[in-house]
Amino acid sequence: MRELVFLLEEASAKAMLEGLVPRLLDDRIQVRLITFEGKQDLEKQLPLRLRGYLNPHARFLVLRDQDSAPDCKLVKHRLMRLCESAGRGAVSLVRIACRELETIYLADLKATESALGISGLAKQQSTSKFRQPDRLESPSRELSRMTSGKYQKVGSSRLIGPFLEIANERSATFKNLVSGIRRLESELRARSISASVSG
């Protein structure tokens, strides 16, 4: 069975991906979104969940926020080592949101405006801080301020996900997430082709 499994730090990532992933993947690929109770829970349980996963042909994408960690590459490397310790390193990708998931929404203010019904957000996209929002220290605080508190992590993520422009490259976080999903989809397709040829 072709299956792409997302291992996620929190429920807001799941809510966003529910609206994004169906627009990226072949519908013959089964998707599973597994959430954890924050970063520590994700890191603690990750090796066990990967090791015990029953589908030997699944591909895995781990997604967590950088938050206050000084170097996202170190965070990514640590998570990759956990995947490798579970024997799943070759079939896993790690993606880090710099600094938070909300970076993606600030990189696509048109989607955020449409989803939340707040006019005037999209026109702010051309200002310097929203041309490269991955550099912002606290994207969630910025989004809350811009929306006068209307932005709510899980509920708003669910609304915004279906509106996100897939080709948007203002956020390296989003660009790398999309390319990672497509890479794993390609691996799953190749595996399916090779299985049908050999069978």
Foldseek 3Di string as FASTA:
>chain_A
DAEEEEEEFAQLVVLLCVQAVVVQADVVYHYHYHYAPHDVRCLVCVLVCLLPDDDPLYAYEYEDAQQPPPDVVVVQVSVLVSCVVSVRNVRYHYAYQLHHPLLQCLLPVVLLCVLLVPPDRRVCCPDPCSLQVSPDNDSVVVVCVVVVNSDDRRVSSNSSNNSRDQPRDSYPRSVVVSVVSNVSSVVSVVVVVVVVVVD
